[in-house]
PDB file of N, CA and C in Angstrom:
ATOM      1  N   MET A   1      85.457 122.732 105.227  1.00  0.00           N
ATOM      2  CA  MET A   1      84.506 123.763 104.853  1.00  0.00           C
ATOM      3  C   MET A   1      83.989 123.580 103.433  1.00  0.00           C
ATOM      4  N   VAL A   2      84.633 122.756 102.653  1.00  0.00           N
ATOM      5  CA  VAL A   2      84.293 122.703 101.240  1.00  0.00           C
ATOM      6  C   VAL A   2      83.220 121.674 100.935  1.00  0.00           C
ATOM      7  N   GLY A   3      83.337 120.462 101.467  1.00  0.00           N
ATOM      8  CA  GLY A   3      82.366 119.431 101.135  1.00  0.00           C
ATOM      9  C   GLY A   3      82.502 119.014  99.692  1.00  0.00           C
ATOM     10  N   GLY A   4      81.401 118.653  99.075  1.00  0.00           N
ATOM     11  CA  GLY A   4      81.390 118.276  97.663  1.00  0.00           C
ATOM     12  C   GLY A   4      82.454 117.264  97.316  1.00  0.00           C
ATOM     13  N   ASP A   5      83.120 117.479  96.175  1.00  0.00           N
ATOM     14  CA  ASP A   5      84.101 116.501  95.707  1.00  0.00           C
ATOM     15  C   ASP A   5      85.387 116.496  96.530  1.00  0.00           C
ATOM     16  N   TYR A   6      85.524 117.392  97.477  1.00  0.00           N
ATOM     17  CA  TYR A   6      86.692 117.364  98.361  1.00  0.00           C
ATOM     18  C   TYR A   6      86.559 116.275  99.431  1.00  0.00           C
ATOM     19  N   ALA A   7      85.354 115.828  99.712  1.00  0.00           N
ATOM     20  CA  ALA A   7      85.129 114.875 100.796  1.00  0.00           C
ATOM     21  C   ALA A   7      85.967 113.616 100.627  1.00  0.00           C
ATOM     22  N   ASP A   8      85.977 113.038  99.451  1.00  0.00           N
ATOM     23  CA  ASP A   8      86.740 111.811  99.242  1.00  0.00           C
ATOM     24  C   ASP A   8      88.231 112.055  99.420  1.00  0.00           C
ATOM     25  N   ARG A   9      88.736 113.172  98.904  1.00  0.00           N
ATOM     26  CA  ARG A   9      90.156 113.505  99.060  1.00  0.00           C
ATOM     27  C   ARG A   9      90.505 113.720 100.529  1.00  0.00           C
ATOM     28  N   ASN A  10      89.612 114.375 101.257  1.00  0.00           N
ATOM     29  CA  ASN A  10      89.867 114.612 102.678  1.00  0.00           C
ATOM     30  C   ASN A  10      89.920 113.301 103.444  1.00  0.00           C
ATOM     31  N   LEU A  11      89.007 112.393 103.167  1.00  0.00           N
ATOM     32  CA  LEU A  11      89.020 111.086 103.836  1.00  0.00           C
ATOM     33  C   LEU A  11      90.294 110.317 103.498  1.00  0.00           C
ATOM     34  N   ALA A  12      90.731 110.401 102.256  1.00  0.00           N
ATOM     35  CA  ALA A  12      91.899 109.639 101.806  1.00  0.00           C
ATOM     36  C   ALA A  12      93.185 110.064 102.515  1.00  0.00           C
ATOM     37  N   CYS A  13      93.292 111.306 102.915  1.00  0.00           N
ATOM     38  CA  CYS A  13      94.545 111.778 103.513  1.00  0.00           C
ATOM     39  C   CYS A  13      94.527 111.791 105.042  1.00  0.00           C
ATOM     40  N   MET A  14      93.459 111.303 105.653  1.00  0.00           N
ATOM     41  CA  MET A  14      93.353 111.338 107.112  1.00  0.00           C
ATOM     42  C   MET A  14      94.190 110.255 107.783  1.00  0.00           C
ATOM     43  N   ALA A  15      94.673 110.576 108.974  1.00  0.00           N
ATOM     44  CA  ALA A  15      95.453 109.633 109.775  1.00  0.00           C
ATOM     45  C   ALA A  15      94.527 108.656 110.490  1.00  0.00           C
ATOM     46  N   VAL A  16      95.094 107.575 110.967  1.00  0.00           N
ATOM     47  CA  VAL A  16      94.346 106.613 111.770  1.00  0.00           C
ATOM     48  C   VAL A  16      93.714 107.340 112.951  1.00  0.00           C
ATOM     49  N   ASP A  17      92.460 107.021 113.233  1.00  0.00           N
ATOM     50  CA  ASP A  17      91.676 107.655 114.301  1.00  0.00           C
ATOM     51  C   ASP A  17      91.444 109.153 114.071  1.00  0.00           C
ATOM     52  N   GLY A  18      91.573 109.606 112.823  1.00  0.00           N
ATOM     53  CA  GLY A  18      91.379 111.008 112.505  1.00  0.00           C
ATOM     54  C   GLY A  18      89.928 111.437 112.603  1.00  0.00           C
ATOM     55  N   ARG A  19      89.737 112.733 112.727  1.00  0.00           N
ATOM     56  CA  ARG A  19      88.390 113.316 112.804  1.00  0.00           C
ATOM     57  C   ARG A  19      88.204 114.307 111.672  1.00  0.00           C
ATOM     58  N   TYR A  20      87.111 114.161 110.967  1.00  0.00           N
ATOM     59  CA  TYR A  20      86.754 115.049 109.860  1.00  0.00           C
ATOM     60  C   TYR A  20      85.592 115.891 110.359  1.00  0.00           C
ATOM     61  N   ALA A  21      85.842 117.167 110.560  1.00  0.00           N
ATOM     62  CA  ALA A  21      84.802 118.075 111.047  1.00  0.00           C
ATOM     63  C   ALA A  21      84.335 118.941 109.882  1.00  0.00           C
ATOM     64  N   LEU A  22      83.125 118.726 109.444  1.00  0.00           N
ATOM     65  CA  LEU A  22      82.556 119.445 108.311  1.00  0.00           C
ATOM     66  C   LEU A  22      81.716 120.601 108.844  1.00  0.00           C
ATOM     67  N   ILE A  23      82.097 121.833 108.483  1.00  0.00           N
ATOM     68  CA  ILE A  23      81.400 123.005 109.016  1.00  0.00           C
ATOM     69  C   ILE A  23      80.775 123.882 107.934  1.00  0.00           C
ATOM     70  N   SER A  24      80.929 123.495 106.673  1.00  0.00           N
ATOM     71  CA  SER A  24      80.346 124.275 105.591  1.00  0.00           C
ATOM     72  C   SER A  24      80.298 123.402 104.344  1.00  0.00           C
ATOM     73  N   LEU A  25      79.556 123.836 103.352  1.00  0.00           N
ATOM     74  CA  LEU A  25      79.397 123.066 102.119  1.00  0.00           C
ATOM     75  C   LEU A  25      79.640 123.935 100.891  1.00  0.00           C
ATOM     76  N   GLN A  26      80.736 124.675 100.901  1.00  0.00           N
ATOM     77  CA  GLN A  26      81.027 125.584  99.797  1.00  0.00           C
ATOM     78  C   GLN A  26      81.182 124.864  98.463  1.00  0.00           C
ATOM     79  N   GLY A  27      81.607 123.610  98.494  1.00  0.00           N
ATOM     80  CA  GLY A  27      81.780 122.840  97.265  1.00  0.00           C
ATOM     81  C   GLY A  27      80.570 122.000  96.907  1.00  0.00           C
ATOM     82  N   GLY A  28      79.496 122.141  97.666  1.00  0.00           N
ATOM     83  CA  GLY A  28      78.283 121.384  97.387  1.00  0.00           C
ATOM     84  C   GLY A  28      77.963 120.403  98.495  1.00  0.00           C
ATOM     85  N   ALA A  29      76.702 120.008  98.547  1.00  0.00           N
ATOM     86  CA  ALA A  29      76.223 119.136  99.618  1.00  0.00           C
ATOM     87  C   ALA A  29      76.344 117.654  99.273  1.00  0.00           C
ATOM     88  N   LYS A  30      76.577 117.321  98.014  1.00  0.00           N
ATOM     89  CA  LYS A  30      76.622 115.915  97.613  1.00  0.00           C
ATOM     90  C   LYS A  30      78.031 115.535  97.197  1.00  0.00           C
ATOM     91  N   ALA A  31      78.394 114.283  97.526  1.00  0.00           N
ATOM     92  CA  ALA A  31      79.719 113.786  97.165  1.00  0.00           C
ATOM     93  C   ALA A  31      79.678 112.274  97.027  1.00  0.00           C
ATOM     94  N   ALA A  32      80.488 111.761  96.114  1.00  0.00           N
ATOM     95  CA  ALA A  32      80.709 110.315  96.023  1.00  0.00           C
ATOM     96  C   ALA A  32      81.992 110.033  96.788  1.00  0.00           C
ATOM     97  N   VAL A  33      81.885 109.210  97.834  1.00  0.00           N
ATOM     98  CA  VAL A  33      83.062 108.950  98.668  1.00  0.00           C
ATOM     99  C   VAL A  33      83.311 107.455  98.821  1.00  0.00           C
ATOM    100  N   ASN A  34      84.564 107.121  98.995  1.00  0.00           N
ATOM    101  CA  ASN A  34      84.971 105.759  99.297  1.00  0.00           C
ATOM    102  C   ASN A  34      84.956 105.634 100.818  1.00  0.00           C
ATOM    103  N   LEU A  35      84.037 104.853 101.356  1.00  0.00           N
ATOM    104  CA  LEU A  35      83.887 104.718 102.800  1.00  0.00           C
ATOM    105  C   LEU A  35      84.856 103.712 103.421  1.00  0.00           C
ATOM    106  N   GLU A  36      85.591 102.993 102.604  1.00  0.00           N
ATOM    107  CA  GLU A  36      86.525 102.003 103.122  1.00  0.00           C
ATOM    108  C   GLU A  36      87.539 102.605 104.101  1.00  0.00           C
ATOM    109  N   PRO A  37      88.131 103.770 103.824  1.00  0.00           N
ATOM    110  CA  PRO A  37      89.075 104.345 104.790  1.00  0.00           C
ATOM    111  C   PRO A  37      88.441 104.653 106.148  1.00  0.00           C
ATOM    112  N   VAL A  38      87.158 104.968 106.146  1.00  0.00           N
ATOM    113  CA  VAL A  38      86.472 105.247 107.413  1.00  0.00           C
ATOM    114  C   VAL A  38      86.544 104.026 108.323  1.00  0.00           C
ATOM    115  N   LEU A  39      86.309 102.862 107.756  1.00  0.00           N
ATOM    116  CA  LEU A  39      86.369 101.625 108.531  1.00  0.00           C
ATOM    117  C   LEU A  39      87.807 101.221 108.853  1.00  0.00           C
ATOM    118  N   ARG A  40      88.630 101.194 107.834  1.00  0.00           N
ATOM    119  CA  ARG A  40      89.999 100.692 108.007  1.00  0.00           C
ATOM    120  C   ARG A  40      90.809 101.543 108.981  1.00  0.00           C
ATOM    121  N   ARG A  41      90.623 102.871 108.939  1.00  0.00           N
ATOM    122  CA  ARG A  41      91.426 103.759 109.793  1.00  0.00           C
ATOM    123  C   ARG A  41      90.632 104.325 110.972  1.00  0.00           C
ATOM    124  N   ARG A  42      89.428 103.783 111.206  1.00  0.00           N
ATOM    125  CA  ARG A  42      88.593 104.203 112.343  1.00  0.00           C
ATOM    126  C   ARG A  42      88.393 105.726 112.355  1.00  0.00           C
ATOM    127  N   LEU A  43      87.953 106.262 111.234  1.00  0.00           N
ATOM    128  CA  LEU A  43      87.765 107.707 111.107  1.00  0.00           C
ATOM    129  C   LEU A  43      86.425 108.126 111.700  1.00  0.00           C
ATOM    130  N   THR A  44      86.370 109.367 112.124  1.00  0.00           N
ATOM    131  CA  THR A  44      85.136 109.950 112.647  1.00  0.00           C
ATOM    132  C   THR A  44      84.756 111.138 111.775  1.00  0.00           C
ATOM    133  N   LEU A  45      83.508 111.181 111.354  1.00  0.00           N
ATOM    134  CA  LEU A  45      82.984 112.293 110.568  1.00  0.00           C
ATOM    135  C   LEU A  45      81.911 112.995 111.390  1.00  0.00           C
ATOM    136  N   VAL A  46      82.108 114.281 111.624  1.00  0.00           N
ATOM    137  CA  VAL A  46      81.115 115.064 112.364  1.00  0.00           C
ATOM    138  C   VAL A  46      80.790 116.323 111.567  1.00  0.00           C
ATOM    139  N   GLY A  47      79.583 116.783 111.740  1.00  0.00           N
ATOM    140  CA  GLY A  47      79.166 118.007 111.083  1.00  0.00           C
ATOM    141  C   GLY A  47      78.572 118.961 112.087  1.00  0.00           C
ATOM    142  N   SER A  48      78.741 120.245 111.831  1.00  0.00           N
ATOM    143  CA  SER A  48      78.205 121.240 112.755  1.00  0.00           C
ATOM    144  C   SER A  48      78.071 122.579 112.047  1.00  0.00           C
ATOM    145  N   THR A  49      77.159 123.378 112.545  1.00  0.00           N
ATOM    146  CA  THR A  49      77.029 124.752 112.081  1.00  0.00           C
ATOM    147  C   THR A  49      76.602 125.608 113.265  1.00  0.00           C
ATOM    148  N   LEU A  50      77.057 126.833 113.281  1.00  0.00           N
ATOM    149  CA  LEU A  50      76.743 127.731 114.395  1.00  0.00           C
ATOM    150  C   LEU A  50      75.410 128.462 114.214  1.00  0.00           C
ATOM    151  N   ARG A  51      74.934 128.551 112.990  1.00  0.00           N
ATOM    152  CA  ARG A  51      73.753 129.383 112.710  1.00  0.00           C
ATOM    153  C   ARG A  51      72.566 129.170 113.643  1.00  0.00           C
ATOM    154  N   PRO A  52      72.131 127.926 113.877  1.00  0.00           N
ATOM    155  CA  PRO A  52      70.913 127.767 114.685  1.00  0.00           C
ATOM    156  C   PRO A  52      71.138 127.884 116.193  1.00  0.00           C
ATOM    157  N   LEU A  53      72.381 128.028 116.622  1.00  0.00           N
ATOM    158  CA  LEU A  53      72.652 128.077 118.058  1.00  0.00           C
ATOM    159  C   LEU A  53      72.228 129.405 118.668  1.00  0.00           C
ATOM    160  N   PRO A  54      71.795 129.389 119.922  1.00  0.00           N
ATOM    161  CA  PRO A  54      71.423 130.643 120.589  1.00  0.00           C
ATOM    162  C   PRO A  54      72.653 131.517 120.832  1.00  0.00           C
ATOM    163  N   PRO A  55      72.457 132.836 120.925  1.00  0.00           N
ATOM    164  CA  PRO A  55      73.580 133.760 121.118  1.00  0.00           C
ATOM    165  C   PRO A  55      74.449 133.414 122.329  1.00  0.00           C
ATOM    166  N   GLU A  56      73.854 132.919 123.390  1.00  0.00           N
ATOM    167  CA  GLU A  56      74.632 132.592 124.589  1.00  0.00           C
ATOM    168  C   GLU A  56      75.633 131.475 124.296  1.00  0.00           C
ATOM    169  N   THR A  57      75.213 130.491 123.527  1.00  0.00           N
ATOM    170  CA  THR A  57      76.106 129.388 123.171  1.00  0.00           C
ATOM    171  C   THR A  57      77.238 129.887 122.284  1.00  0.00           C
ATOM    172  N   LYS A  58      76.925 130.762 121.339  1.00  0.00           N
ATOM    173  CA  LYS A  58      77.951 131.334 120.468  1.00  0.00           C
ATOM    174  C   LYS A  58      78.948 132.160 121.278  1.00  0.00           C
ATOM    175  N   GLU A  59      78.459 132.880 122.285  1.00  0.00           N
ATOM    176  CA  GLU A  59      79.349 133.659 123.151  1.00  0.00           C
ATOM    177  C   GLU A  59      80.298 132.747 123.919  1.00  0.00           C
ATOM    178  N   THR A  60      79.801 131.626 124.399  1.00  0.00           N
ATOM    179  CA  THR A  60      80.637 130.667 125.123  1.00  0.00           C
ATOM    180  C   THR A  60      81.717 130.105 124.206  1.00  0.00           C
ATOM    181  N   ILE A  61      81.339 129.763 122.999  1.00  0.00           N
ATOM    182  CA  ILE A  61      82.300 129.237 122.028  1.00  0.00           C
ATOM    183  C   ILE A  61      83.371 130.282 121.737  1.00  0.00           C
ATOM    184  N   ALA A  62      82.964 131.527 121.527  1.00  0.00           N
ATOM    185  CA  ALA A  62      83.919 132.600 121.245  1.00  0.00           C
ATOM    186  C   ALA A  62      84.871 132.813 122.420  1.00  0.00           C
ATOM    187  N   ALA A  63      84.352 132.766 123.638  1.00  0.00           N
ATOM    188  CA  ALA A  63      85.196 132.946 124.826  1.00  0.00           C
ATOM    189  C   ALA A  63      86.220 131.817 124.940  1.00  0.00           C
ATOM    190  N   ARG A  64      85.801 130.604 124.645  1.00  0.00           N
ATOM    191  CA  ARG A  64      86.741 129.470 124.694  1.00  0.00           C
ATOM    192  C   ARG A  64      87.805 129.585 123.612  1.00  0.00           C
ATOM    193  N   LEU A  65      87.413 130.085 122.443  1.00  0.00           N
ATOM    194  CA  LEU A  65      88.369 130.318 121.375  1.00  0.00           C
ATOM    195  C   LEU A  65      89.439 131.304 121.831  1.00  0.00           C
ATOM    196  N   VAL A  66      89.009 132.391 122.424  1.00  0.00           N
ATOM    197  CA  VAL A  66      89.953 133.396 122.928  1.00  0.00           C
ATOM    198  C   VAL A  66      90.855 132.787 124.002  1.00  0.00           C
ATOM    199  N   ARG A  67      90.275 132.009 124.891  1.00  0.00           N
ATOM    200  CA  ARG A  67      91.027 131.431 126.002  1.00  0.00           C
ATOM    201  C   ARG A  67      91.977 130.314 125.563  1.00  0.00           C
ATOM    202  N   ASP A  68      91.498 129.423 124.679  1.00  0.00           N
ATOM    203  CA  ASP A  68      92.246 128.197 124.390  1.00  0.00           C
ATOM    204  C   ASP A  68      93.018 128.201 123.074  1.00  0.00           C
ATOM    205  N   VAL A  69      92.513 128.900 122.061  1.00  0.00           N
ATOM    206  CA  VAL A  69      93.118 128.816 120.734  1.00  0.00           C
ATOM    207  C   VAL A  69      94.026 130.007 120.431  1.00  0.00           C
ATOM    208  N   LEU A  70      93.580 131.201 120.733  1.00  0.00           N
ATOM    209  CA  LEU A  70      94.392 132.371 120.401  1.00  0.00           C
ATOM    210  C   LEU A  70      95.774 132.352 121.050  1.00  0.00           C
ATOM    211  N   PRO A  71      95.917 131.897 122.291  1.00  0.00           N
ATOM    212  CA  PRO A  71      97.273 131.813 122.849  1.00  0.00           C
ATOM    213  C   PRO A  71      98.184 130.861 122.062  1.00  0.00           C
ATOM    214  N   ILE A  72      97.641 129.761 121.588  1.00  0.00           N
ATOM    215  CA  ILE A  72      98.426 128.808 120.801  1.00  0.00           C
ATOM    216  C   ILE A  72      98.885 129.463 119.503  1.00  0.00           C
ATOM    217  N   LEU A  73      98.004 130.243 118.883  1.00  0.00           N
ATOM    218  CA  LEU A  73      98.379 130.956 117.663  1.00  0.00           C
ATOM    219  C   LEU A  73      99.438 132.010 117.939  1.00  0.00           C
ATOM    220  N   SER A  74      99.250 132.790 118.996  1.00  0.00           N
ATOM    221  CA  SER A  74     100.199 133.874 119.289  1.00  0.00           C
ATOM    222  C   SER A  74     101.571 133.335 119.690  1.00  0.00           C
ATOM    223  N   GLU A  75     101.615 132.132 120.262  1.00  0.00           N
ATOM    224  CA  GLU A  75     102.887 131.503 120.625  1.00  0.00           C
ATOM    225  C   GLU A  75     103.561 130.837 119.426  1.00  0.00           C
ATOM    226  N   GLY A  76     102.864 130.757 118.311  1.00  0.00           N
ATOM    227  CA  GLY A  76     103.429 130.143 117.117  1.00  0.00           C
ATOM    228  C   GLY A  76     103.392 128.626 117.129  1.00  0.00           C
ATOM    229  N   ARG A  77     102.669 128.027 118.054  1.00  0.00           N
ATOM    230  CA  ARG A  77     102.578 126.563 118.099  1.00  0.00           C
ATOM    231  C   ARG A  77     101.632 126.022 117.033  1.00  0.00           C
ATOM    232  N   LEU A  78     100.781 126.865 116.519  1.00  0.00           N
ATOM    233  CA  LEU A  78      99.856 126.500 115.456  1.00  0.00           C
ATOM    234  C   LEU A  78      99.871 127.633 114.445  1.00  0.00           C
ATOM    235  N   ARG A  79     100.215 127.292 113.203  1.00  0.00           N
ATOM    236  CA  ARG A  79     100.283 128.316 112.166  1.00  0.00           C
ATOM    237  C   ARG A  79      99.496 127.882 110.946  1.00  0.00           C
ATOM    238  N   PRO A  80      98.624 128.743 110.451  1.00  0.00           N
ATOM    239  CA  PRO A  80      97.902 128.397 109.222  1.00  0.00           C
ATOM    240  C   PRO A  80      98.873 128.399 108.042  1.00  0.00           C
ATOM    241  N   HIS A  81      98.587 127.563 107.058  1.00  0.00           N
ATOM    242  CA  HIS A  81      99.404 127.549 105.854  1.00  0.00           C
ATOM    243  C   HIS A  81      98.927 128.681 104.943  1.00  0.00           C
ATOM    244  N   ILE A  82      99.817 129.600 104.618  1.00  0.00           N
ATOM    245  CA  ILE A  82      99.503 130.739 103.749  1.00  0.00           C
ATOM    246  C   ILE A  82      99.977 130.392 102.335  1.00  0.00           C
ATOM    247  N   HIS A  83      99.035 130.300 101.419  1.00  0.00           N
ATOM    248  CA  HIS A  83      99.389 130.026 100.020  1.00  0.00           C
ATOM    249  C   HIS A  83      99.979 131.273  99.369  1.00  0.00           C
ATOM    250  N   ALA A  84      99.330 132.414  99.599  1.00  0.00           N
ATOM    251  CA  ALA A  84      99.790 133.665  98.987  1.00  0.00           C
ATOM    252  C   ALA A  84      99.226 134.857  99.754  1.00  0.00           C
ATOM    253  N   THR A  85      99.966 135.957  99.677  1.00  0.00           N
ATOM    254  CA  THR A  85      99.538 137.219 100.281  1.00  0.00           C
ATOM    255  C   THR A  85      99.396 138.252  99.173  1.00  0.00           C
ATOM    256  N   PHE A  86      98.304 139.002  99.205  1.00  0.00           N
ATOM    257  CA  PHE A  86      98.025 140.018  98.195  1.00  0.00           C
ATOM    258  C   PHE A  86      97.759 141.353  98.873  1.00  0.00           C
ATOM    259  N   ASP A  87      98.261 142.425  98.296  1.00  0.00           N
ATOM    260  CA  ASP A  87      97.889 143.753  98.754  1.00  0.00           C
ATOM    261  C   ASP A  87      96.437 143.984  98.363  1.00  0.00           C
ATOM    262  N   ILE A  88      95.733 144.754  99.152  1.00  0.00           N
ATOM    263  CA  ILE A  88      94.306 144.998  98.909  1.00  0.00           C
ATOM    264  C   ILE A  88      94.059 145.537  97.495  1.00  0.00           C
ATOM    265  N   GLU A  89      95.050 146.241  96.952  1.00  0.00           N
ATOM    266  CA  GLU A  89      94.903 146.765  95.589  1.00  0.00           C
ATOM    267  C   GLU A  89      94.905 145.655  94.535  1.00  0.00           C
ATOM    268  N   ASP A  90      95.406 144.470  94.926  1.00  0.00           N
ATOM    269  CA  ASP A  90      95.454 143.335  94.016  1.00  0.00           C
ATOM    270  C   ASP A  90      94.346 142.314  94.320  1.00  0.00           C
ATOM    271  N   VAL A  91      93.243 142.810  94.854  1.00  0.00           N
ATOM    272  CA  VAL A  91      92.154 141.913  95.247  1.00  0.00           C
ATOM    273  C   VAL A  91      91.611 141.119  94.053  1.00  0.00           C
ATOM    274  N   GLY A  92      91.654 141.704  92.868  1.00  0.00           N
ATOM    275  CA  GLY A  92      91.201 140.988  91.674  1.00  0.00           C
ATOM    276  C   GLY A  92      92.048 139.754  91.408  1.00  0.00           C
ATOM    277  N   GLU A  93      93.358 139.900  91.533  1.00  0.00           N
ATOM    278  CA  GLU A  93      94.260 138.760  91.343  1.00  0.00           C
ATOM    279  C   GLU A  93      94.016 137.701  92.421  1.00  0.00           C
ATOM    280  N   ALA A  94      93.789 138.146  93.645  1.00  0.00           N
ATOM    281  CA  ALA A  94      93.500 137.212  94.735  1.00  0.00           C
ATOM    282  C   ALA A  94      92.218 136.431  94.436  1.00  0.00           C
ATOM    283  N   HIS A  95      91.221 137.124  93.929  1.00  0.00           N
ATOM    284  CA  HIS A  95      89.950 136.471  93.628  1.00  0.00           C
ATOM    285  C   HIS A  95      90.107 135.477  92.484  1.00  0.00           C
ATOM    286  N   ARG A  96      90.887 135.824  91.487  1.00  0.00           N
ATOM    287  CA  ARG A  96      91.141 134.889  90.379  1.00  0.00           C
ATOM    288  C   ARG A  96      91.844 133.629  90.902  1.00  0.00           C
ATOM    289  N   THR A  97      92.786 133.815  91.803  1.00  0.00           N
ATOM    290  CA  THR A  97      93.477 132.665  92.407  1.00  0.00           C
ATOM    291  C   THR A  97      92.476 131.783  93.139  1.00  0.00           C
ATOM    292  N   LEU A  98      91.581 132.413  93.890  1.00  0.00           N
ATOM    293  CA  LEU A  98      90.555 131.675  94.625  1.00  0.00           C
ATOM    294  C   LEU A  98      89.637 130.913  93.668  1.00  0.00           C
ATOM    295  N   GLU A  99      89.228 131.561  92.580  1.00  0.00           N
ATOM    296  CA  GLU A  99      88.330 130.931  91.613  1.00  0.00           C
ATOM    297  C   GLU A  99      88.965 129.746  90.905  1.00  0.00           C
ATOM    298  N   GLN A 100      90.288 129.770  90.719  1.00  0.00           N
ATOM    299  CA  GLN A 100      90.971 128.656  90.061  1.00  0.00           C
ATOM    300  C   GLN A 100      90.927 127.397  90.917  1.00  0.00           C
ATOM    301  N   ASN A 101      90.765 127.565  92.214  1.00  0.00           N
ATOM    302  CA  ASN A 101      90.561 126.445  93.141  1.00  0.00           C
ATOM    303  C   ASN A 101      91.693 125.421  93.103  1.00  0.00           C
ATOM    304  N   ASP A 102      92.922 125.883  92.827  1.00  0.00           N
ATOM    305  CA  ASP A 102      94.047 124.944  92.840  1.00  0.00           C
ATOM    306  C   ASP A 102      95.102 125.360  93.857  1.00  0.00           C
ATOM    307  N   HIS A 103      94.722 126.191  94.792  1.00  0.00           N
ATOM    308  CA  HIS A 103      95.658 126.612  95.834  1.00  0.00           C
ATOM    309  C   HIS A 103      95.498 125.729  97.065  1.00  0.00           C
ATOM    310  N   PHE A 104      96.536 125.701  97.895  1.00  0.00           N
ATOM    311  CA  PHE A 104      96.483 124.971  99.157  1.00  0.00           C
ATOM    312  C   PHE A 104      96.825 125.954 100.254  1.00  0.00           C
ATOM    313  N   GLY A 105      95.921 126.184 101.149  1.00  0.00           N
ATOM    314  CA  GLY A 105      96.155 127.127 102.232  1.00  0.00           C
ATOM    315  C   GLY A 105      95.361 128.394 102.043  1.00  0.00           C
ATOM    316  N   LYS A 106      95.656 129.346 102.882  1.00  0.00           N
ATOM    317  CA  LYS A 106      94.898 130.594 102.923  1.00  0.00           C
ATOM    318  C   LYS A 106      95.440 131.617 101.941  1.00  0.00           C
ATOM    319  N   LEU A 107      94.537 132.441 101.455  1.00  0.00           N
ATOM    320  CA  LEU A 107      94.894 133.621 100.679  1.00  0.00           C
ATOM    321  C   LEU A 107      94.671 134.810 101.605  1.00  0.00           C
ATOM    322  N   VAL A 108      95.673 135.650 101.742  1.00  0.00           N
ATOM    323  CA  VAL A 108      95.624 136.754 102.702  1.00  0.00           C
ATOM    324  C   VAL A 108      95.663 138.087 101.965  1.00  0.00           C
ATOM    325  N   LEU A 109      94.733 138.975 102.328  1.00  0.00           N
ATOM    326  CA  LEU A 109      94.750 140.342 101.808  1.00  0.00           C
ATOM    327  C   LEU A 109      95.369 141.246 102.876  1.00  0.00           C
ATOM    328  N   THR A 110      96.271 142.113 102.453  1.00  0.00           N
ATOM    329  CA  THR A 110      96.889 143.054 103.397  1.00  0.00           C
ATOM    330  C   THR A 110      96.613 144.479 102.923  1.00  0.00           C
ATOM    331  N   MET A 111      96.752 145.392 103.849  1.00  0.00           N
ATOM    332  CA  MET A 111      96.522 146.811 103.542  1.00  0.00           C
ATOM    333  C   MET A 111      97.797 147.587 103.809  1.00  0.00           C
ATOM    334  N   GLY A 112      98.785 147.411 102.933  1.00  0.00           N
ATOM    335  CA  GLY A 112     100.029 148.149 103.053  1.00  0.00           C
ATOM    336  C   GLY A 112     100.713 147.910 104.390  1.00  0.00           C
ATOM    337  N   ASP A 113     100.907 148.998 105.150  1.00  0.00           N
ATOM    338  CA  ASP A 113     101.613 148.907 106.426  1.00  0.00           C
ATOM    339  C   ASP A 113     100.740 148.444 107.572  1.00  0.00           C
ATOM    340  N   ILE A 114      99.433 148.311 107.339  1.00  0.00           N
ATOM    341  CA  ILE A 114      98.533 147.885 108.408  1.00  0.00           C
ATOM    342  C   ILE A 114      98.579 146.359 108.494  1.00  0.00           C
ATOM    343  N   PRO A 115      98.925 145.809 109.659  1.00  0.00           N
ATOM    344  CA  PRO A 115      99.009 144.346 109.770  1.00  0.00           C
ATOM    345  C   PRO A 115      97.644 143.689 109.691  1.00  0.00           C
TER     346      PRO A 115
END
C-alpha cells in the first residue's frame, strides 16, 4: 500500500516466485528500485485499484472476501501483525506513532470495552 521508497525494500525481502501486489501509493508514485531480484527470484509485480470498477464487481469481491478470507481470520490461521493498540482517547499518540513511520504492523484503536 505504500509504494515510494518502500518498493525496493519490499522487493528485497520477497521469497522466490513471490508476488508483490501494489494497491495504493501512500509513500509516493515514484521509486528507485533494484530490478535484479525480480529476475533472479522470478518475482511478479501487479498493481490494482478498486476505484474505477463498477459496483457489481466490487460486490463480487466483497462477497468472496466474506466467503474465503473471513473464515481464515476467524479460525486464527491468518493473523495480522499488531504493532500497538491504543485506546481511542490516546488517538494523538497513535497518530504520532504513525507519522514516525518506523512501526511494523498495524496500529489498532480500541474503544474501552467495545471490541
